[in-house]
Amino acid sequence: MAARISPKTKLTLSVRAKYVAMLRKAGARRGRSVSDLVEELAETLDKQQETSEELSDFVKRFSGVLSDVPASAWTTDDRMGELLRKHAPRPQ
């Protein structure tokens, strides 16, 4: 049985010339078209979203551990504040 390939849809983007040039160079280095690079980027971003959602579920289960962390920790300009803002829900 042959794999079913969905038809492509045309997409018009407004991108600065320097980024178009960068995409073309990257495509040439990899032997791929700009369209292929955009598809690859979309898949990568989608996988990152899934990973982020999984992490959020993990954090939700263990959010009780964060109950002793002061609310001000989310606003600090250090690694702890960065991690809290990225992965943990803010206390209310």
N, C-alpha and C. Protein backbone atom coordinates (compact mmCIF):
# COMPACT_ATOMS: atom_id res chain seq x y z
N MET A 1 0.84 -1.17 0.00
CA MET A 1 0.00 0.00 0.00
C MET A 1 0.89 1.24 0.00
N ALA A 2 0.64 2.16 -0.89
CA ALA A 2 1.45 3.37 -1.00
C ALA A 2 1.04 4.38 0.06
N ALA A 3 2.01 5.15 0.52
CA ALA A 3 1.73 6.19 1.50
C ALA A 3 0.91 7.29 0.83
N ARG A 4 -0.06 7.77 1.54
CA ARG A 4 -0.91 8.82 1.00
C ARG A 4 -0.29 10.18 1.32
N ILE A 5 -0.06 10.97 0.31
CA ILE A 5 0.55 12.28 0.48
C ILE A 5 -0.54 13.33 0.27
N SER A 6 -0.69 14.19 1.26
CA SER A 6 -1.71 15.23 1.14
C SER A 6 -1.21 16.32 0.20
N PRO A 7 -2.14 16.95 -0.52
CA PRO A 7 -1.73 18.02 -1.44
C PRO A 7 -1.22 19.22 -0.66
N LYS A 8 -0.34 19.95 -1.28
CA LYS A 8 0.22 21.14 -0.63
C LYS A 8 -0.70 22.33 -0.86
N THR A 9 -0.68 23.26 0.08
CA THR A 9 -1.44 24.49 0.00
C THR A 9 -0.47 25.64 -0.12
N LYS A 10 -0.75 26.53 -1.03
CA LYS A 10 0.12 27.68 -1.23
C LYS A 10 -0.05 28.67 -0.08
N LEU A 11 1.06 29.22 0.38
CA LEU A 11 1.07 30.17 1.49
C LEU A 11 1.94 31.36 1.10
N THR A 12 1.42 32.54 1.31
CA THR A 12 2.19 33.75 1.03
C THR A 12 2.65 34.34 2.35
N LEU A 13 3.95 34.57 2.47
CA LEU A 13 4.52 35.14 3.69
C LEU A 13 5.15 36.48 3.39
N SER A 14 5.15 37.34 4.37
CA SER A 14 5.87 38.61 4.27
C SER A 14 7.06 38.50 5.21
N VAL A 15 8.24 38.34 4.62
CA VAL A 15 9.46 38.12 5.39
C VAL A 15 10.52 39.09 4.87
N ARG A 16 11.29 39.63 5.78
CA ARG A 16 12.37 40.54 5.38
C ARG A 16 13.34 39.82 4.44
N ALA A 17 13.90 40.59 3.52
CA ALA A 17 14.79 40.04 2.50
C ALA A 17 15.96 39.26 3.10
N LYS A 18 16.50 39.75 4.22
CA LYS A 18 17.66 39.06 4.80
C LYS A 18 17.29 37.65 5.28
N TYR A 19 16.03 37.47 5.75
CA TYR A 19 15.61 36.15 6.20
C TYR A 19 15.33 35.23 5.02
N VAL A 20 14.82 35.78 3.93
CA VAL A 20 14.62 34.99 2.72
C VAL A 20 15.98 34.47 2.24
N ALA A 21 16.97 35.35 2.24
CA ALA A 21 18.31 34.95 1.82
C ALA A 21 18.87 33.88 2.74
N MET A 22 18.65 34.04 4.04
CA MET A 22 19.13 33.04 4.99
C MET A 22 18.46 31.69 4.75
N LEU A 23 17.15 31.71 4.51
CA LEU A 23 16.43 30.46 4.24
C LEU A 23 16.92 29.79 2.96
N ARG A 24 17.15 30.59 1.94
CA ARG A 24 17.65 30.03 0.68
C ARG A 24 19.03 29.40 0.85
N LYS A 25 19.91 30.08 1.60
CA LYS A 25 21.24 29.53 1.85
C LYS A 25 21.15 28.23 2.65
N ALA A 26 20.33 28.25 3.69
CA ALA A 26 20.17 27.04 4.51
C ALA A 26 19.59 25.90 3.69
N GLY A 27 18.63 26.21 2.84
CA GLY A 27 18.04 25.19 1.97
C GLY A 27 19.07 24.62 1.01
N ALA A 28 19.89 25.50 0.43
CA ALA A 28 20.92 25.04 -0.50
C ALA A 28 21.94 24.15 0.20
N ARG A 29 22.33 24.53 1.42
CA ARG A 29 23.28 23.70 2.17
C ARG A 29 22.71 22.32 2.45
N ARG A 30 21.41 22.26 2.71
CA ARG A 30 20.77 20.98 3.06
C ARG A 30 20.18 20.26 1.87
N GLY A 31 20.19 20.92 0.71
CA GLY A 31 19.58 20.32 -0.46
C GLY A 31 18.07 20.24 -0.35
N ARG A 32 17.48 21.25 0.27
CA ARG A 32 16.03 21.27 0.50
C ARG A 32 15.49 22.63 0.08
N SER A 33 14.21 22.65 -0.22
CA SER A 33 13.57 23.91 -0.62
C SER A 33 13.19 24.72 0.62
N VAL A 34 12.90 26.00 0.41
CA VAL A 34 12.43 26.85 1.49
C VAL A 34 11.12 26.29 2.04
N SER A 35 10.26 25.80 1.19
CA SER A 35 9.00 25.20 1.64
C SER A 35 9.26 24.01 2.57
N ASP A 36 10.24 23.18 2.21
CA ASP A 36 10.58 22.05 3.08
C ASP A 36 11.08 22.53 4.44
N LEU A 37 11.88 23.60 4.45
CA LEU A 37 12.38 24.14 5.71
C LEU A 37 11.23 24.65 6.57
N VAL A 38 10.26 25.33 5.95
CA VAL A 38 9.12 25.85 6.70
C VAL A 38 8.30 24.70 7.28
N GLU A 39 8.10 23.62 6.50
CA GLU A 39 7.38 22.45 7.01
C GLU A 39 8.12 21.84 8.19
N GLU A 40 9.44 21.74 8.08
CA GLU A 40 10.25 21.20 9.17
C GLU A 40 10.13 22.07 10.42
N LEU A 41 10.15 23.37 10.24
CA LEU A 41 10.01 24.29 11.37
C LEU A 41 8.65 24.12 12.03
N ALA A 42 7.59 23.98 11.23
CA ALA A 42 6.25 23.80 11.78
C ALA A 42 6.18 22.53 12.62
N GLU A 43 6.78 21.45 12.13
CA GLU A 43 6.79 20.20 12.89
C GLU A 43 7.57 20.34 14.19
N THR A 44 8.70 21.02 14.13
CA THR A 44 9.52 21.24 15.32
C THR A 44 8.77 22.06 16.36
N LEU A 45 8.12 23.13 15.91
CA LEU A 45 7.37 23.97 16.84
C LEU A 45 6.20 23.21 17.45
N ASP A 46 5.56 22.37 16.66
CA ASP A 46 4.44 21.58 17.16
C ASP A 46 4.91 20.60 18.22
N LYS A 47 6.06 19.97 17.99
CA LYS A 47 6.60 19.03 18.98
C LYS A 47 7.00 19.75 20.26
N GLN A 48 7.54 20.97 20.13
CA GLN A 48 7.89 21.75 21.31
C GLN A 48 6.65 22.06 22.13
N GLN A 49 5.55 22.36 21.47
CA GLN A 49 4.30 22.66 22.17
C GLN A 49 3.85 21.43 22.94
N GLU A 50 3.92 20.25 22.30
CA GLU A 50 3.53 19.02 22.99
C GLU A 50 4.41 18.79 24.20
N THR A 51 5.70 19.00 24.08
CA THR A 51 6.62 18.82 25.19
C THR A 51 6.29 19.80 26.30
N SER A 52 5.99 21.04 25.94
CA SER A 52 5.65 22.05 26.92
C SER A 52 4.38 21.68 27.68
N GLU A 53 3.38 21.15 26.96
CA GLU A 53 2.14 20.74 27.61
C GLU A 53 2.39 19.58 28.56
N GLU A 54 3.25 18.62 28.16
CA GLU A 54 3.57 17.50 29.03
C GLU A 54 4.26 17.99 30.30
N LEU A 55 5.15 18.94 30.14
CA LEU A 55 5.85 19.50 31.28
C LEU A 55 4.87 20.20 32.20
N SER A 56 3.93 20.91 31.64
CA SER A 56 2.93 21.59 32.46
C SER A 56 2.14 20.59 33.29
N ASP A 57 1.77 19.46 32.71
CA ASP A 57 1.05 18.44 33.47
C ASP A 57 1.91 17.93 34.62
N PHE A 58 3.20 17.74 34.37
CA PHE A 58 4.13 17.30 35.41
C PHE A 58 4.18 18.33 36.52
N VAL A 59 4.29 19.59 36.14
CA VAL A 59 4.37 20.65 37.13
C VAL A 59 3.08 20.73 37.93
N LYS A 60 1.94 20.55 37.26
CA LYS A 60 0.66 20.58 37.97
C LYS A 60 0.61 19.53 39.07
N ARG A 61 1.11 18.34 38.78
CA ARG A 61 1.09 17.25 39.76
C ARG A 61 1.94 17.59 40.98
N PHE A 62 3.03 18.31 40.75
CA PHE A 62 3.97 18.58 41.84
C PHE A 62 3.93 20.04 42.28
N SER A 63 2.86 20.74 41.98
CA SER A 63 2.80 22.16 42.32
C SER A 63 2.77 22.39 43.83
N GLY A 64 2.40 21.39 44.61
CA GLY A 64 2.41 21.53 46.07
C GLY A 64 3.81 21.80 46.59
N VAL A 65 4.80 21.31 45.88
CA VAL A 65 6.19 21.54 46.27
C VAL A 65 6.50 23.04 46.20
N LEU A 66 5.82 23.74 45.32
CA LEU A 66 6.08 25.16 45.13
C LEU A 66 5.32 26.04 46.12
N SER A 67 4.53 25.45 46.98
CA SER A 67 3.71 26.26 47.89
C SER A 67 4.55 27.07 48.87
N ASP A 68 5.77 26.64 49.16
CA ASP A 68 6.63 27.37 50.09
C ASP A 68 7.45 28.46 49.40
N VAL A 69 7.40 28.51 48.07
CA VAL A 69 8.17 29.51 47.34
C VAL A 69 7.39 30.82 47.37
N PRO A 70 8.02 31.92 47.80
CA PRO A 70 7.30 33.20 47.86
C PRO A 70 6.90 33.68 46.47
N ALA A 71 5.79 34.39 46.38
CA ALA A 71 5.29 34.90 45.10
C ALA A 71 6.32 35.80 44.43
N SER A 72 7.12 36.48 45.20
CA SER A 72 8.13 37.38 44.63
C SER A 72 9.20 36.63 43.83
N ALA A 73 9.34 35.34 44.04
CA ALA A 73 10.36 34.56 43.33
C ALA A 73 10.10 34.53 41.83
N TRP A 74 8.83 34.67 41.42
CA TRP A 74 8.50 34.65 39.99
C TRP A 74 9.00 35.90 39.28
N THR A 75 9.27 36.95 40.01
CA THR A 75 9.70 38.21 39.37
C THR A 75 11.20 38.45 39.49
N THR A 76 11.93 37.56 40.14
CA THR A 76 13.37 37.76 40.28
C THR A 76 14.06 37.58 38.94
N ASP A 77 15.18 38.28 38.79
CA ASP A 77 15.93 38.24 37.55
C ASP A 77 17.10 37.25 37.70
N ASP A 78 16.76 36.01 38.00
CA ASP A 78 17.78 34.97 38.13
C ASP A 78 17.25 33.68 37.51
N ARG A 79 18.04 32.64 37.57
CA ARG A 79 17.65 31.36 36.95
C ARG A 79 16.38 30.80 37.58
N MET A 80 16.25 30.91 38.88
CA MET A 80 15.06 30.39 39.56
C MET A 80 13.80 31.10 39.07
N GLY A 81 13.85 32.43 38.98
CA GLY A 81 12.71 33.18 38.48
C GLY A 81 12.39 32.81 37.04
N GLU A 82 13.42 32.63 36.23
CA GLU A 82 13.24 32.24 34.83
C GLU A 82 12.54 30.89 34.73
N LEU A 83 12.99 29.92 35.52
CA LEU A 83 12.38 28.59 35.50
C LEU A 83 10.95 28.61 36.01
N LEU A 84 10.70 29.38 37.06
CA LEU A 84 9.34 29.47 37.58
C LEU A 84 8.40 30.08 36.54
N ARG A 85 8.83 31.17 35.90
CA ARG A 85 7.99 31.81 34.89
C ARG A 85 7.72 30.89 33.71
N LYS A 86 8.69 30.09 33.37
CA LYS A 86 8.56 29.22 32.20
C LYS A 86 7.71 27.99 32.49
N HIS A 87 7.85 27.41 33.68
CA HIS A 87 7.28 26.09 33.90
C HIS A 87 6.22 25.98 34.99
N ALA A 88 6.11 26.97 35.84
CA ALA A 88 5.21 26.82 36.99
C ALA A 88 4.11 27.88 36.96
N PRO A 89 2.93 27.49 37.35
CA PRO A 89 1.85 28.48 37.42
C PRO A 89 2.13 29.47 38.54
N ARG A 90 1.78 30.73 38.31
CA ARG A 90 2.00 31.75 39.35
C ARG A 90 1.02 31.56 40.47
N PRO A 91 1.46 31.80 41.69
CA PRO A 91 0.53 31.73 42.82
C PRO A 91 -0.46 32.89 42.74
N GLN A 92 -1.63 32.68 43.30
CA GLN A 92 -2.66 33.72 43.21
C GLN A 92 -2.84 34.43 44.51
